[in-house]
N, C-alpha and C. Protein backbone atom coordinates (compact mmCIF):
# COMPACT_ATOMS: atom_id res chain seq x y z
N MET A 1 73.27 104.75 108.08
CA MET A 1 73.55 106.06 107.52
C MET A 1 73.76 105.90 106.02
N SER A 2 73.19 106.78 105.27
CA SER A 2 73.31 106.68 103.83
C SER A 2 74.67 107.17 103.35
N GLU A 3 74.98 106.84 102.13
CA GLU A 3 76.26 107.25 101.54
C GLU A 3 76.37 108.77 101.43
N LEU A 4 75.26 109.43 101.16
CA LEU A 4 75.25 110.89 101.06
C LEU A 4 75.56 111.53 102.41
N ASP A 5 74.99 110.98 103.50
CA ASP A 5 75.29 111.51 104.84
C ASP A 5 76.76 111.30 105.20
N ASP A 6 77.30 110.14 104.84
CA ASP A 6 78.71 109.86 105.12
C ASP A 6 79.61 110.83 104.35
N GLU A 7 79.27 111.09 103.12
CA GLU A 7 80.05 112.02 102.30
C GLU A 7 79.96 113.45 102.85
N ARG A 8 78.79 113.82 103.30
CA ARG A 8 78.61 115.15 103.89
C ARG A 8 79.40 115.28 105.19
N GLU A 9 79.42 114.23 106.00
CA GLU A 9 80.18 114.25 107.25
C GLU A 9 81.67 114.37 106.97
N LYS A 10 82.17 113.66 105.97
CA LYS A 10 83.58 113.76 105.60
C LYS A 10 83.92 115.18 105.14
N THR A 11 83.01 115.79 104.41
CA THR A 11 83.24 117.16 103.96
C THR A 11 83.34 118.11 105.14
N TRP A 12 82.46 117.95 106.13
CA TRP A 12 82.50 118.84 107.30
C TRP A 12 83.74 118.61 108.15
N TYR A 13 84.19 117.34 108.24
CA TYR A 13 85.46 117.08 108.94
C TYR A 13 86.60 117.78 108.22
N GLY A 14 86.59 117.73 106.91
CA GLY A 14 87.63 118.39 106.12
C GLY A 14 87.60 119.90 106.28
N ILE A 15 86.41 120.48 106.27
CA ILE A 15 86.29 121.93 106.45
C ILE A 15 86.74 122.34 107.84
N GLY A 16 86.37 121.58 108.85
CA GLY A 16 86.80 121.88 110.22
C GLY A 16 88.31 121.80 110.36
N ALA A 17 88.91 120.78 109.75
CA ALA A 17 90.36 120.63 109.81
C ALA A 17 91.06 121.76 109.07
N ALA A 18 90.53 122.16 107.92
CA ALA A 18 91.13 123.25 107.16
C ALA A 18 91.03 124.56 107.94
N THR A 19 89.93 124.77 108.62
CA THR A 19 89.75 125.99 109.41
C THR A 19 90.75 126.03 110.57
N LEU A 20 90.97 124.90 111.22
CA LEU A 20 91.93 124.86 112.32
C LEU A 20 93.37 125.05 111.84
N SER A 21 93.61 124.87 110.56
CA SER A 21 94.96 124.98 110.03
C SER A 21 95.43 126.42 109.88
N VAL A 22 94.71 127.37 110.44
CA VAL A 22 95.24 128.73 110.54
C VAL A 22 96.56 128.63 111.31
N ILE A 23 96.59 127.75 112.29
CA ILE A 23 97.84 127.36 112.94
C ILE A 23 98.22 126.04 112.27
N ALA A 24 99.23 126.10 111.43
CA ALA A 24 99.59 124.93 110.61
C ALA A 24 99.79 123.71 111.48
N GLY A 25 99.08 122.64 111.16
CA GLY A 25 99.20 121.39 111.89
C GLY A 25 98.03 121.09 112.82
N MET A 26 97.30 122.10 113.25
CA MET A 26 96.18 121.86 114.18
C MET A 26 95.07 121.04 113.52
N GLY A 27 94.84 121.26 112.26
CA GLY A 27 93.83 120.49 111.55
C GLY A 27 94.19 119.02 111.47
N HIS A 28 95.48 118.74 111.28
CA HIS A 28 95.93 117.35 111.24
C HIS A 28 95.75 116.69 112.60
N LEU A 29 96.08 117.41 113.66
CA LEU A 29 95.90 116.84 114.99
C LEU A 29 94.42 116.62 115.30
N TYR A 30 93.55 117.50 114.82
CA TYR A 30 92.11 117.34 114.98
C TYR A 30 91.64 116.03 114.35
N LEU A 31 92.24 115.68 113.22
CA LEU A 31 91.87 114.46 112.52
C LEU A 31 92.61 113.23 113.04
N GLY A 32 93.59 113.44 113.94
CA GLY A 32 94.34 112.32 114.49
C GLY A 32 95.50 111.87 113.62
N VAL A 33 96.00 112.76 112.78
CA VAL A 33 97.12 112.44 111.89
C VAL A 33 98.41 112.92 112.55
N SER A 34 99.36 112.02 112.73
CA SER A 34 100.59 112.38 113.44
C SER A 34 101.47 113.35 112.67
N ARG A 35 101.22 113.53 111.40
CA ARG A 35 101.96 114.49 110.59
C ARG A 35 101.80 115.92 111.13
N GLY A 36 100.74 116.16 111.88
CA GLY A 36 100.47 117.48 112.43
C GLY A 36 101.56 118.00 113.34
N TYR A 37 102.23 117.10 114.07
CA TYR A 37 103.31 117.54 114.94
C TYR A 37 104.46 118.15 114.14
N TRP A 38 104.76 117.58 112.99
CA TRP A 38 105.81 118.15 112.14
C TRP A 38 105.39 119.48 111.55
N PHE A 39 104.12 119.58 111.19
CA PHE A 39 103.62 120.84 110.66
C PHE A 39 103.70 121.94 111.72
N ILE A 40 103.31 121.62 112.95
CA ILE A 40 103.36 122.61 114.02
C ILE A 40 104.80 123.03 114.31
N ALA A 41 105.71 122.05 114.41
CA ALA A 41 107.11 122.37 114.69
C ALA A 41 107.70 123.23 113.58
N SER A 42 107.44 122.89 112.35
CA SER A 42 107.95 123.68 111.22
C SER A 42 107.36 125.08 111.23
N GLY A 43 106.08 125.18 111.51
CA GLY A 43 105.43 126.48 111.56
C GLY A 43 105.98 127.38 112.65
N VAL A 44 106.22 126.81 113.83
CA VAL A 44 106.77 127.60 114.93
C VAL A 44 108.16 128.10 114.58
N VAL A 45 108.97 127.25 113.99
CA VAL A 45 110.32 127.66 113.58
C VAL A 45 110.23 128.80 112.57
N MET A 46 109.34 128.68 111.59
CA MET A 46 109.18 129.75 110.59
C MET A 46 108.72 131.05 111.22
N LEU A 47 107.80 130.97 112.18
CA LEU A 47 107.33 132.19 112.83
C LEU A 47 108.43 132.84 113.66
N ILE A 48 109.23 132.06 114.34
CA ILE A 48 110.34 132.61 115.13
C ILE A 48 111.36 133.27 114.22
N ILE A 49 111.73 132.58 113.16
CA ILE A 49 112.68 133.17 112.21
C ILE A 49 112.10 134.43 111.58
N GLY A 50 110.83 134.39 111.23
CA GLY A 50 110.19 135.55 110.62
C GLY A 50 110.08 136.73 111.55
N GLU A 51 109.93 136.47 112.82
CA GLU A 51 109.77 137.56 113.78
C GLU A 51 111.10 138.24 114.11
N TRP A 52 112.17 137.47 114.22
CA TRP A 52 113.41 138.05 114.70
C TRP A 52 114.55 138.15 113.68
N TYR A 53 114.54 137.31 112.65
CA TYR A 53 115.71 137.28 111.78
C TYR A 53 115.41 137.65 110.33
N TRP A 54 114.48 136.98 109.72
CA TRP A 54 114.25 137.11 108.28
C TRP A 54 112.75 137.24 108.05
N HIS A 55 112.27 138.43 107.80
CA HIS A 55 110.84 138.72 107.76
C HIS A 55 110.11 138.03 106.61
N VAL A 56 110.83 137.61 105.61
CA VAL A 56 110.21 136.88 104.51
C VAL A 56 109.65 135.54 105.00
N ALA A 57 110.21 135.00 106.06
CA ALA A 57 109.74 133.72 106.60
C ALA A 57 108.28 133.80 107.06
N THR A 58 107.83 134.97 107.43
CA THR A 58 106.43 135.13 107.81
C THR A 58 105.52 134.88 106.60
N TRP A 59 105.92 135.37 105.46
CA TRP A 59 105.14 135.13 104.23
C TRP A 59 105.22 133.66 103.82
N ILE A 60 106.37 133.05 104.03
CA ILE A 60 106.50 131.62 103.74
C ILE A 60 105.59 130.83 104.68
N TYR A 61 105.46 131.25 105.93
CA TYR A 61 104.57 130.58 106.87
C TYR A 61 103.12 130.66 106.40
N ILE A 62 102.72 131.81 105.88
CA ILE A 62 101.35 131.96 105.39
C ILE A 62 101.08 130.97 104.26
N GLN A 63 102.03 130.83 103.35
CA GLN A 63 101.87 129.85 102.28
C GLN A 63 101.86 128.43 102.84
N PHE A 64 102.68 128.18 103.84
CA PHE A 64 102.74 126.87 104.48
C PHE A 64 101.41 126.54 105.17
N ALA A 65 100.81 127.53 105.82
CA ALA A 65 99.52 127.32 106.49
C ALA A 65 98.43 127.03 105.47
N ILE A 66 98.47 127.70 104.32
CA ILE A 66 97.49 127.42 103.27
C ILE A 66 97.66 125.99 102.76
N PHE A 67 98.91 125.59 102.54
CA PHE A 67 99.17 124.21 102.12
C PHE A 67 98.68 123.22 103.17
N ALA A 68 98.94 123.51 104.45
CA ALA A 68 98.50 122.63 105.53
C ALA A 68 96.98 122.53 105.56
N ALA A 69 96.29 123.63 105.28
CA ALA A 69 94.83 123.61 105.25
C ALA A 69 94.32 122.70 104.13
N PHE A 70 94.91 122.80 102.94
CA PHE A 70 94.50 121.92 101.84
C PHE A 70 94.81 120.46 102.15
N ASP A 71 95.97 120.21 102.77
CA ASP A 71 96.34 118.85 103.12
C ASP A 71 95.40 118.28 104.18
N ALA A 72 95.06 119.08 105.19
CA ALA A 72 94.13 118.63 106.23
C ALA A 72 92.74 118.37 105.65
N PHE A 73 92.29 119.25 104.75
CA PHE A 73 90.99 119.02 104.11
C PHE A 73 91.02 117.71 103.32
N SER A 74 92.13 117.47 102.64
CA SER A 74 92.26 116.24 101.88
C SER A 74 92.20 115.01 102.78
N PHE A 75 92.86 115.08 103.94
CA PHE A 75 92.78 113.97 104.90
C PHE A 75 91.34 113.78 105.39
N GLY A 76 90.67 114.86 105.69
CA GLY A 76 89.30 114.75 106.19
C GLY A 76 88.33 114.23 105.16
N LYS A 77 88.52 114.63 103.92
CA LYS A 77 87.58 114.27 102.86
C LYS A 77 87.89 112.89 102.25
N ARG A 78 89.17 112.65 101.92
CA ARG A 78 89.53 111.44 101.19
C ARG A 78 90.20 110.37 102.03
N GLY A 79 90.76 110.76 103.19
CA GLY A 79 91.45 109.79 104.03
C GLY A 79 92.94 109.74 103.80
N HIS A 80 93.44 110.53 102.84
CA HIS A 80 94.89 110.64 102.63
C HIS A 80 95.20 112.05 102.19
N GLY A 81 96.42 112.47 102.45
CA GLY A 81 96.82 113.84 102.17
C GLY A 81 97.24 114.08 100.74
N LEU A 82 97.83 115.24 100.52
CA LEU A 82 98.28 115.60 99.18
C LEU A 82 99.54 114.87 98.78
N PHE A 83 100.33 114.46 99.76
CA PHE A 83 101.56 113.70 99.46
C PHE A 83 101.70 112.53 100.39
């Protein structure tokens, strides 16, 4: 496989992981990164708090999911996350 094909495959893995990160952490689990469990747990807590106690947490979850998507794309493309 050529280097261009390998780079293209990494890009598609990253895009797939970022798409799955609509639910924060699913993209990480798709890539096999154990950090995804923490992302999912944090996201569920934020959604529960946002639904019943503090509605601003829902907006914080949206920002968290966007961050998780960028982090998952970074793992898929480069092999390491943003942090």
